[in-house]
Amino acid sequence: GYVHSHMVVKPTPLIEIDKDIPTALSDIISKLLEKNAEDRYQSAYGLLHDLNKAQELYSYGKNDEIVELGTKDVPSRLPWSLSKKLIILNLL
């Protein structure tokens, strides 16, 4: 039902709902809503960098330009999947 859907169904990108939303902003929000935690932003710095880039493009009227997201996103800790593997190795 609803819980299963919430966990696996990706939300509709905002740009598909409203074509006036800048592509970069729509992509950033989609990244924030990713189901897999490792696919989301891992740091506030990475998010802020992408938001600033989106704002810069918007101010120049480049609403359709695609931005490579997460280029400055550096996790402050090990990804959970790697952490689990290290824990398991230490138990062996």
N, C-alpha and C. Protein backbone atom coordinates (compact mmCIF):
# COMPACT_ATOMS: atom_id res chain seq x y z
N GLY A 1 0.79 -1.17 0.00
CA GLY A 1 0.00 0.00 0.00
C GLY A 1 0.85 1.25 0.00
N TYR A 2 0.42 2.19 0.80
CA TYR A 2 1.03 3.52 0.82
C TYR A 2 2.49 3.47 1.28
N VAL A 3 2.78 2.72 2.34
CA VAL A 3 4.14 2.67 2.86
C VAL A 3 5.09 2.08 1.82
N HIS A 4 4.69 1.01 1.18
CA HIS A 4 5.52 0.41 0.13
C HIS A 4 5.76 1.41 -0.99
N SER A 5 4.72 2.09 -1.41
CA SER A 5 4.83 3.08 -2.47
C SER A 5 5.78 4.20 -2.07
N HIS A 6 5.67 4.66 -0.84
CA HIS A 6 6.52 5.73 -0.33
C HIS A 6 7.99 5.33 -0.38
N MET A 7 8.25 4.05 -0.16
CA MET A 7 9.63 3.57 -0.10
C MET A 7 10.24 3.30 -1.47
N VAL A 8 9.45 3.01 -2.49
CA VAL A 8 10.02 2.60 -3.77
C VAL A 8 9.67 3.48 -4.96
N VAL A 9 8.57 4.19 -4.92
CA VAL A 9 8.15 4.99 -6.07
C VAL A 9 8.82 6.36 -6.00
N LYS A 10 9.54 6.70 -7.08
CA LYS A 10 10.20 8.00 -7.14
C LYS A 10 9.18 9.11 -7.37
N PRO A 11 9.33 10.23 -6.67
CA PRO A 11 8.42 11.35 -6.90
C PRO A 11 8.60 11.91 -8.32
N THR A 12 7.55 12.48 -8.85
CA THR A 12 7.61 13.12 -10.15
C THR A 12 8.50 14.35 -10.05
N PRO A 13 9.49 14.49 -10.95
CA PRO A 13 10.32 15.70 -10.92
C PRO A 13 9.46 16.96 -11.06
N LEU A 14 9.82 17.99 -10.30
CA LEU A 14 9.03 19.21 -10.30
C LEU A 14 8.90 19.83 -11.69
N ILE A 15 9.93 19.69 -12.50
CA ILE A 15 9.89 20.29 -13.83
C ILE A 15 8.81 19.65 -14.70
N GLU A 16 8.44 18.42 -14.39
CA GLU A 16 7.35 17.76 -15.12
C GLU A 16 5.98 18.28 -14.65
N ILE A 17 5.93 18.84 -13.47
CA ILE A 17 4.69 19.38 -12.93
C ILE A 17 4.52 20.84 -13.37
N ASP A 18 5.64 21.57 -13.35
CA ASP A 18 5.62 22.99 -13.73
C ASP A 18 6.87 23.30 -14.55
N LYS A 19 6.68 23.53 -15.83
CA LYS A 19 7.80 23.76 -16.76
C LYS A 19 8.56 25.05 -16.46
N ASP A 20 8.00 25.93 -15.61
CA ASP A 20 8.67 27.19 -15.28
C ASP A 20 9.73 27.04 -14.18
N ILE A 21 9.76 25.88 -13.54
CA ILE A 21 10.77 25.63 -12.50
C ILE A 21 12.11 25.36 -13.20
N PRO A 22 13.16 26.05 -12.78
CA PRO A 22 14.47 25.82 -13.39
C PRO A 22 14.91 24.35 -13.28
N THR A 23 15.52 23.86 -14.33
CA THR A 23 15.98 22.46 -14.38
C THR A 23 16.89 22.14 -13.20
N ALA A 24 17.85 23.02 -12.93
CA ALA A 24 18.80 22.75 -11.85
C ALA A 24 18.10 22.61 -10.50
N LEU A 25 17.13 23.47 -10.23
CA LEU A 25 16.40 23.39 -8.96
C LEU A 25 15.58 22.11 -8.88
N SER A 26 14.94 21.74 -9.96
CA SER A 26 14.18 20.49 -10.00
C SER A 26 15.10 19.29 -9.74
N ASP A 27 16.28 19.31 -10.35
CA ASP A 27 17.23 18.21 -10.17
C ASP A 27 17.75 18.14 -8.73
N ILE A 28 17.99 19.30 -8.13
CA ILE A 28 18.46 19.34 -6.74
C ILE A 28 17.40 18.75 -5.81
N ILE A 29 16.16 19.14 -6.01
CA ILE A 29 15.08 18.61 -5.16
C ILE A 29 14.92 17.10 -5.36
N SER A 30 15.06 16.65 -6.61
CA SER A 30 14.99 15.20 -6.86
C SER A 30 16.10 14.47 -6.13
N LYS A 31 17.31 15.06 -6.11
CA LYS A 31 18.43 14.44 -5.40
C LYS A 31 18.15 14.40 -3.89
N LEU A 32 17.54 15.44 -3.36
CA LEU A 32 17.19 15.46 -1.94
C LEU A 32 16.17 14.38 -1.59
N LEU A 33 15.33 14.01 -2.55
CA LEU A 33 14.26 13.04 -2.31
C LEU A 33 14.62 11.61 -2.72
N GLU A 34 15.87 11.38 -3.10
CA GLU A 34 16.28 10.03 -3.51
C GLU A 34 15.96 9.01 -2.43
N LYS A 35 15.54 7.83 -2.84
CA LYS A 35 15.19 6.76 -1.90
C LYS A 35 16.44 6.21 -1.20
N ASN A 36 17.51 6.02 -1.95
CA ASN A 36 18.75 5.49 -1.40
C ASN A 36 19.53 6.63 -0.76
N ALA A 37 19.81 6.52 0.52
CA ALA A 37 20.49 7.59 1.26
C ALA A 37 21.83 7.97 0.63
N GLU A 38 22.52 7.03 0.05
CA GLU A 38 23.82 7.31 -0.55
C GLU A 38 23.71 8.12 -1.83
N ASP A 39 22.51 8.17 -2.41
CA ASP A 39 22.30 8.97 -3.62
C ASP A 39 21.88 10.40 -3.31
N ARG A 40 21.58 10.68 -2.03
CA ARG A 40 21.22 12.03 -1.60
C ARG A 40 22.50 12.81 -1.30
N TYR A 41 22.33 14.10 -1.02
CA TYR A 41 23.49 14.90 -0.62
C TYR A 41 24.05 14.33 0.68
N GLN A 42 25.37 14.30 0.75
CA GLN A 42 26.05 13.78 1.93
C GLN A 42 26.56 14.90 2.83
N SER A 43 26.46 16.13 2.33
CA SER A 43 26.93 17.27 3.12
C SER A 43 26.12 18.51 2.77
N ALA A 44 26.01 19.39 3.76
CA ALA A 44 25.34 20.67 3.53
C ALA A 44 26.15 21.51 2.55
N TYR A 45 27.46 21.37 2.58
CA TYR A 45 28.33 22.13 1.67
C TYR A 45 28.02 21.79 0.21
N GLY A 46 27.86 20.51 -0.07
CA GLY A 46 27.55 20.09 -1.44
C GLY A 46 26.20 20.63 -1.91
N LEU A 47 25.21 20.59 -1.03
CA LEU A 47 23.89 21.13 -1.35
C LEU A 47 23.98 22.63 -1.58
N LEU A 48 24.66 23.35 -0.69
CA LEU A 48 24.78 24.79 -0.82
C LEU A 48 25.48 25.17 -2.12
N HIS A 49 26.52 24.44 -2.48
CA HIS A 49 27.23 24.71 -3.73
C HIS A 49 26.28 24.57 -4.92
N ASP A 50 25.50 23.51 -4.95
CA ASP A 50 24.58 23.29 -6.07
C ASP A 50 23.47 24.34 -6.10
N LEU A 51 22.97 24.73 -4.92
CA LEU A 51 21.94 25.77 -4.86
C LEU A 51 22.49 27.11 -5.37
N ASN A 52 23.72 27.42 -4.99
CA ASN A 52 24.35 28.65 -5.48
C ASN A 52 24.53 28.62 -6.98
N LYS A 53 24.94 27.48 -7.53
CA LYS A 53 25.11 27.32 -8.98
C LYS A 53 23.75 27.48 -9.67
N ALA A 54 22.71 26.89 -9.12
CA ALA A 54 21.37 27.01 -9.69
C ALA A 54 20.90 28.46 -9.67
N GLN A 55 21.17 29.16 -8.57
CA GLN A 55 20.78 30.57 -8.47
C GLN A 55 21.54 31.42 -9.49
N GLU A 56 22.80 31.12 -9.67
CA GLU A 56 23.62 31.84 -10.66
C GLU A 56 23.05 31.64 -12.07
N LEU A 57 22.74 30.41 -12.42
CA LEU A 57 22.17 30.13 -13.74
C LEU A 57 20.83 30.85 -13.90
N TYR A 58 20.02 30.82 -12.86
CA TYR A 58 18.71 31.47 -12.90
C TYR A 58 18.86 32.98 -13.13
N SER A 59 19.84 33.57 -12.46
CA SER A 59 20.03 35.03 -12.59
C SER A 59 20.48 35.42 -13.99
N TYR A 60 21.09 34.48 -14.71
CA TYR A 60 21.50 34.72 -16.10
C TYR A 60 20.46 34.23 -17.11
N GLY A 61 19.32 33.79 -16.60
CA GLY A 61 18.24 33.34 -17.49
C GLY A 61 18.50 31.98 -18.12
N LYS A 62 19.39 31.20 -17.54
CA LYS A 62 19.73 29.87 -18.08
C LYS A 62 18.95 28.79 -17.33
N ASN A 63 17.63 28.86 -17.40
CA ASN A 63 16.77 27.97 -16.62
C ASN A 63 16.79 26.53 -17.09
N ASP A 64 17.17 26.29 -18.34
CA ASP A 64 17.14 24.94 -18.88
C ASP A 64 18.49 24.24 -18.82
N GLU A 65 19.49 24.92 -18.31
CA GLU A 65 20.83 24.35 -18.28
C GLU A 65 20.92 23.26 -17.21
N ILE A 66 21.54 22.16 -17.57
CA ILE A 66 21.70 21.03 -16.65
C ILE A 66 23.01 21.20 -15.89
N VAL A 67 22.94 20.97 -14.59
CA VAL A 67 24.10 21.10 -13.71
C VAL A 67 24.52 19.71 -13.25
N GLU A 68 25.82 19.46 -13.24
CA GLU A 68 26.32 18.20 -12.67
C GLU A 68 26.27 18.37 -11.15
N LEU A 69 25.39 17.62 -10.53
CA LEU A 69 25.16 17.76 -9.09
C LEU A 69 26.19 16.99 -8.26
N GLY A 70 26.45 17.51 -7.09
CA GLY A 70 27.26 16.80 -6.12
C GLY A 70 28.76 16.86 -6.36
N THR A 71 29.23 17.75 -7.22
CA THR A 71 30.67 17.79 -7.50
C THR A 71 31.48 18.26 -6.28
N LYS A 72 30.86 19.00 -5.38
CA LYS A 72 31.54 19.48 -4.17
C LYS A 72 30.99 18.79 -2.92
N ASP A 73 30.25 17.72 -3.12
CA ASP A 73 29.62 17.01 -2.02
C ASP A 73 30.57 15.98 -1.45
N VAL A 74 31.15 16.30 -0.32
CA VAL A 74 32.11 15.40 0.31
C VAL A 74 31.49 14.88 1.60
N PRO A 75 31.28 13.57 1.70
CA PRO A 75 30.67 13.05 2.93
C PRO A 75 31.57 13.29 4.14
N SER A 76 30.93 13.59 5.25
CA SER A 76 31.69 13.83 6.48
C SER A 76 32.03 12.53 7.19
N ARG A 77 31.47 11.44 6.71
CA ARG A 77 31.74 10.12 7.30
C ARG A 77 31.65 9.07 6.20
N LEU A 78 32.00 7.85 6.54
CA LEU A 78 31.93 6.77 5.57
C LEU A 78 30.49 6.48 5.16
N PRO A 79 30.27 6.15 3.89
CA PRO A 79 28.92 5.74 3.49
C PRO A 79 28.47 4.53 4.31
N TRP A 80 27.17 4.44 4.59
CA TRP A 80 26.63 3.38 5.43
C TRP A 80 26.97 2.00 4.89
N SER A 81 26.90 1.79 3.59
CA SER A 81 27.18 0.45 3.05
C SER A 81 28.63 0.05 3.32
N LEU A 82 29.55 1.00 3.21
CA LEU A 82 30.95 0.70 3.50
C LEU A 82 31.15 0.49 5.00
N SER A 83 30.48 1.27 5.81
CA SER A 83 30.57 1.11 7.26
C SER A 83 30.10 -0.28 7.68
N LYS A 84 28.99 -0.75 7.09
CA LYS A 84 28.48 -2.09 7.41
C LYS A 84 29.52 -3.15 7.05
N LYS A 85 30.15 -3.01 5.89
CA LYS A 85 31.15 -3.99 5.46
C LYS A 85 32.34 -4.01 6.42
N LEU A 86 32.78 -2.85 6.87
CA LEU A 86 33.89 -2.79 7.80
C LEU A 86 33.54 -3.41 9.13
N ILE A 87 32.32 -3.19 9.61
CA ILE A 87 31.86 -3.78 10.86
C ILE A 87 31.86 -5.30 10.75
N ILE A 88 31.35 -5.80 9.64
CA ILE A 88 31.30 -7.26 9.43
C ILE A 88 32.71 -7.82 9.37
N LEU A 89 33.62 -7.16 8.67
CA LEU A 89 35.00 -7.65 8.59
C LEU A 89 35.66 -7.68 9.97
N ASN A 90 35.37 -6.68 10.80
CA ASN A 90 35.95 -6.65 12.14
C ASN A 90 35.40 -7.77 13.02
N LEU A 91 34.18 -8.21 12.74
CA LEU A 91 33.58 -9.30 13.52
C LEU A 91 34.17 -10.64 13.13
N LEU A 92 34.71 -10.77 11.93
CA LEU A 92 35.24 -12.05 11.46
C LEU A 92 36.58 -12.39 12.04
